[in-house]
Amino acid sequence: MSAAYYRIGVIVRTHGVHGAVKIDPLTDSSRRFRNLTEAFLELHGEMRPVQLSVSSIAPDAVIVSIEGFDTPEAANALRGAYLCVDRAHRVKLPKDTYFVTDLIGCETFDTDGNAYGKLTNVYETGANDVYEIANGKLMVPALKRVLSEVDTDAGRIVFDAAVLKEVGLFED
């Protein structure tokens, strides 16, 4: 189920007179842009490889120049486009953490063998993420004690059945 591309930012506007763009980071840390020189633009549903140079990094914004877009008019055409990386260039995650895009679409089960459907959304609440299963039929806090198995490559998540009964919010 792992994604081929990972969105790391969205272009929100031009910056300056040389065609640079301001990117709102979609990652936990804007530091991931520090050594980024190659990426992909997701524009109008298509992926386009690009060369880029990062000129400024702040927690809430990154200023980037993208090769071939060297005027404000050309850069303005990128507004709303996503800056993406491929699997080879994604950041390495700590153990027991996952990319949201890899979780979406995973089939969910419990340790008793009950199937609940696909994970359809992940809500980042601050304290812990909440997994939405089958468009809201089940809401599950992403707690270590409830997650028995997470295998994003196989597209499978297994919840501890006893803990799920305790913490899961089932649609009536």
Protein backbone atom coordinates (compact mmCIF):
# COMPACT_ATOMS: atom_id res chain seq x y z
CA MET A 1 0.00 0.00 0.00
CA SER A 2 3.00 2.32 0.27
CA ALA A 3 2.75 5.43 -1.85
CA ALA A 4 5.10 6.10 -4.76
CA TYR A 5 5.32 9.82 -3.96
CA TYR A 6 5.08 11.77 -0.72
CA ARG A 7 3.80 15.33 -0.59
CA ILE A 8 6.17 17.45 1.44
CA GLY A 9 4.85 20.93 0.67
CA VAL A 10 2.36 23.01 -1.26
CA ILE A 11 3.28 26.10 -3.26
CA VAL A 12 1.25 29.02 -1.96
CA ARG A 13 2.65 32.05 -3.78
CA THR A 14 5.59 33.60 -5.60
CA HIS A 15 8.41 35.22 -3.67
CA GLY A 16 10.51 38.02 -5.09
CA VAL A 17 11.28 38.99 -8.68
CA HIS A 18 13.35 35.97 -9.74
CA GLY A 19 10.60 33.33 -9.70
CA ALA A 20 11.13 31.83 -6.25
CA VAL A 21 8.10 30.35 -4.52
CA LYS A 22 6.90 30.11 -0.95
CA ILE A 23 6.08 26.57 0.14
CA ASP A 24 3.98 25.63 3.15
CA PRO A 25 5.61 22.47 4.53
CA LEU A 26 3.40 19.39 4.90
CA THR A 27 5.98 17.57 7.02
CA ASP A 28 6.66 17.44 10.74
CA SER A 29 9.93 19.29 10.24
CA SER A 30 10.85 21.84 7.61
CA ARG A 31 14.51 20.81 8.13
CA ARG A 32 13.86 17.99 5.66
CA PHE A 33 14.21 20.64 2.91
CA ARG A 34 17.79 21.48 3.95
CA ASN A 35 19.65 19.38 1.35
CA LEU A 36 16.82 18.90 -1.12
CA THR A 37 17.95 19.49 -4.73
CA GLU A 38 15.65 17.10 -6.63
CA ALA A 39 11.94 16.63 -6.24
CA PHE A 40 8.71 16.24 -8.20
CA LEU A 41 5.98 18.74 -8.89
CA GLU A 42 2.46 17.38 -8.70
CA LEU A 43 0.60 19.73 -11.00
CA HIS A 44 -2.76 19.03 -12.65
CA GLY A 45 -2.52 15.36 -11.65
CA GLU A 46 0.88 14.78 -13.25
CA MET A 47 4.31 14.29 -11.69
CA ARG A 48 7.16 16.28 -13.17
CA PRO A 49 10.78 15.91 -11.97
CA VAL A 50 12.43 19.23 -11.07
CA GLN A 51 15.75 20.58 -9.86
CA LEU A 52 15.54 23.13 -7.11
CA SER A 53 17.53 25.22 -4.68
CA VAL A 54 16.34 26.16 -1.23
CA SER A 55 17.16 29.71 -0.18
CA SER A 56 15.33 30.02 3.15
CA ILE A 57 13.84 27.65 5.72
CA ALA A 58 11.53 28.64 8.56
CA PRO A 59 9.24 26.40 10.62
CA ASP A 60 6.18 27.51 8.66
CA ALA A 61 7.61 28.37 5.22
CA VAL A 62 10.33 27.40 2.78
CA ILE A 63 11.52 29.61 -0.07
CA VAL A 64 12.58 27.61 -3.13
CA SER A 65 13.74 28.37 -6.67
CA ILE A 66 12.67 25.76 -9.21
CA GLU A 67 14.71 25.35 -12.37
CA GLY A 68 12.79 26.50 -15.44
CA PHE A 69 10.48 28.79 -13.46
CA ASP A 70 12.62 31.90 -13.20
CA THR A 71 10.06 34.69 -13.50
CA PRO A 72 7.22 35.60 -11.16
CA GLU A 73 4.75 34.86 -13.95
CA ALA A 74 6.13 31.36 -14.54
CA ALA A 75 6.32 30.67 -10.81
CA ASN A 76 2.75 31.90 -10.31
CA ALA A 77 1.55 29.07 -12.58
CA LEU A 78 2.77 26.67 -9.85
CA ARG A 79 0.45 28.06 -7.18
CA GLY A 80 -1.39 25.14 -5.56
CA ALA A 81 1.06 22.54 -6.88
CA TYR A 82 2.54 20.02 -4.48
CA LEU A 83 6.26 19.47 -4.03
CA CYS A 84 6.81 15.73 -3.66
CA VAL A 85 9.62 13.24 -3.16
CA ASP A 86 9.78 9.63 -4.26
CA ARG A 87 10.17 6.67 -1.91
CA ALA A 88 13.96 6.75 -2.20
CA HIS A 89 14.10 10.33 -0.93
CA ARG A 90 11.56 10.22 1.87
CA VAL A 91 12.81 10.76 5.40
CA LYS A 92 13.52 7.77 7.58
CA LEU A 93 10.93 7.42 10.32
CA PRO A 94 11.51 6.19 13.86
CA LYS A 95 10.31 2.71 14.76
CA ASP A 96 6.52 2.39 15.08
CA THR A 97 5.79 5.58 13.15
CA TYR A 98 4.26 5.64 9.68
CA PHE A 99 3.50 7.97 6.83
CA VAL A 100 -0.21 8.82 6.83
CA THR A 101 -0.37 8.22 3.09
CA ASP A 102 0.88 4.65 3.66
CA LEU A 103 -1.79 3.97 6.30
CA ILE A 104 -4.72 5.20 4.20
CA GLY A 105 -6.25 2.24 2.38
CA CYS A 106 -4.90 -0.45 4.72
CA GLU A 107 -7.40 -3.17 5.58
CA THR A 108 -8.09 -3.42 9.31
CA PHE A 109 -8.71 -6.47 11.49
CA ASP A 110 -8.59 -7.42 15.13
CA THR A 111 -6.74 -10.30 16.78
CA ASP A 112 -10.02 -12.27 16.91
CA GLY A 113 -10.17 -12.22 13.09
CA ASN A 114 -12.92 -9.60 12.68
CA ALA A 115 -12.57 -7.36 9.62
CA TYR A 116 -13.51 -3.67 9.90
CA GLY A 117 -12.75 -2.24 6.47
CA LYS A 118 -10.19 0.16 5.09
CA LEU A 119 -8.54 2.94 7.02
CA THR A 120 -10.00 6.02 5.32
CA ASN A 121 -8.49 8.94 7.24
CA VAL A 122 -6.05 9.84 9.99
CA TYR A 123 -6.82 12.75 12.30
CA GLU A 124 -3.83 14.38 13.97
CA THR A 125 -5.23 15.51 17.32
CA GLY A 126 -2.04 16.51 19.11
CA ALA A 127 -2.15 13.89 21.86
CA ASN A 128 -2.33 10.93 19.49
CA ASP A 129 -3.61 10.29 16.00
CA VAL A 130 -7.08 8.83 15.49
CA TYR A 131 -7.70 6.32 12.71
CA GLU A 132 -11.00 6.51 10.87
CA ILE A 133 -12.11 3.14 9.54
CA ALA A 134 -14.67 2.67 6.75
CA ASN A 135 -15.60 6.37 6.54
CA GLY A 136 -16.42 6.73 10.23
CA LYS A 137 -17.89 3.35 11.12
CA LEU A 138 -15.04 2.95 13.59
CA MET A 139 -12.68 5.49 15.19
CA VAL A 140 -9.54 4.13 16.86
CA PRO A 141 -6.89 6.08 18.76
CA ALA A 142 -3.45 5.15 17.46
CA LEU A 143 -2.13 3.86 20.77
CA LYS A 144 0.68 1.32 20.96
CA ARG A 145 -1.44 -0.92 23.15
CA VAL A 146 -4.21 -1.16 20.53
CA LEU A 147 -1.92 -1.69 17.53
CA SER A 148 -1.00 -5.35 17.41
CA GLU A 149 0.46 -5.26 13.88
CA VAL A 150 1.02 -2.56 11.26
CA ASP A 151 2.30 -3.72 7.88
CA THR A 152 1.91 -0.91 5.36
CA ASP A 153 3.69 -2.89 2.64
CA ALA A 154 1.01 -5.58 2.91
CA GLY A 155 -1.73 -3.00 3.50
CA ARG A 156 -2.76 -4.54 6.81
CA ILE A 157 -3.38 -3.23 10.34
CA VAL A 158 -4.36 -5.53 13.20
CA PHE A 159 -5.82 -4.18 16.45
CA ASP A 160 -5.70 -5.98 19.79
CA ALA A 161 -9.33 -7.13 20.10
CA ALA A 162 -9.63 -6.60 23.87
CA VAL A 163 -8.14 -3.11 23.78
CA LEU A 164 -10.18 -2.18 20.71
CA LYS A 165 -13.40 -2.98 22.61
CA GLU A 166 -12.20 -0.63 25.35
CA VAL A 167 -10.98 2.36 23.26
CA GLY A 168 -12.67 2.02 19.86
CA LEU A 169 -15.64 4.20 18.99
CA PHE A 170 -18.03 2.06 16.97
CA GLU A 171 -20.86 3.49 14.89
CA ASP A 172 -24.19 2.38 16.35
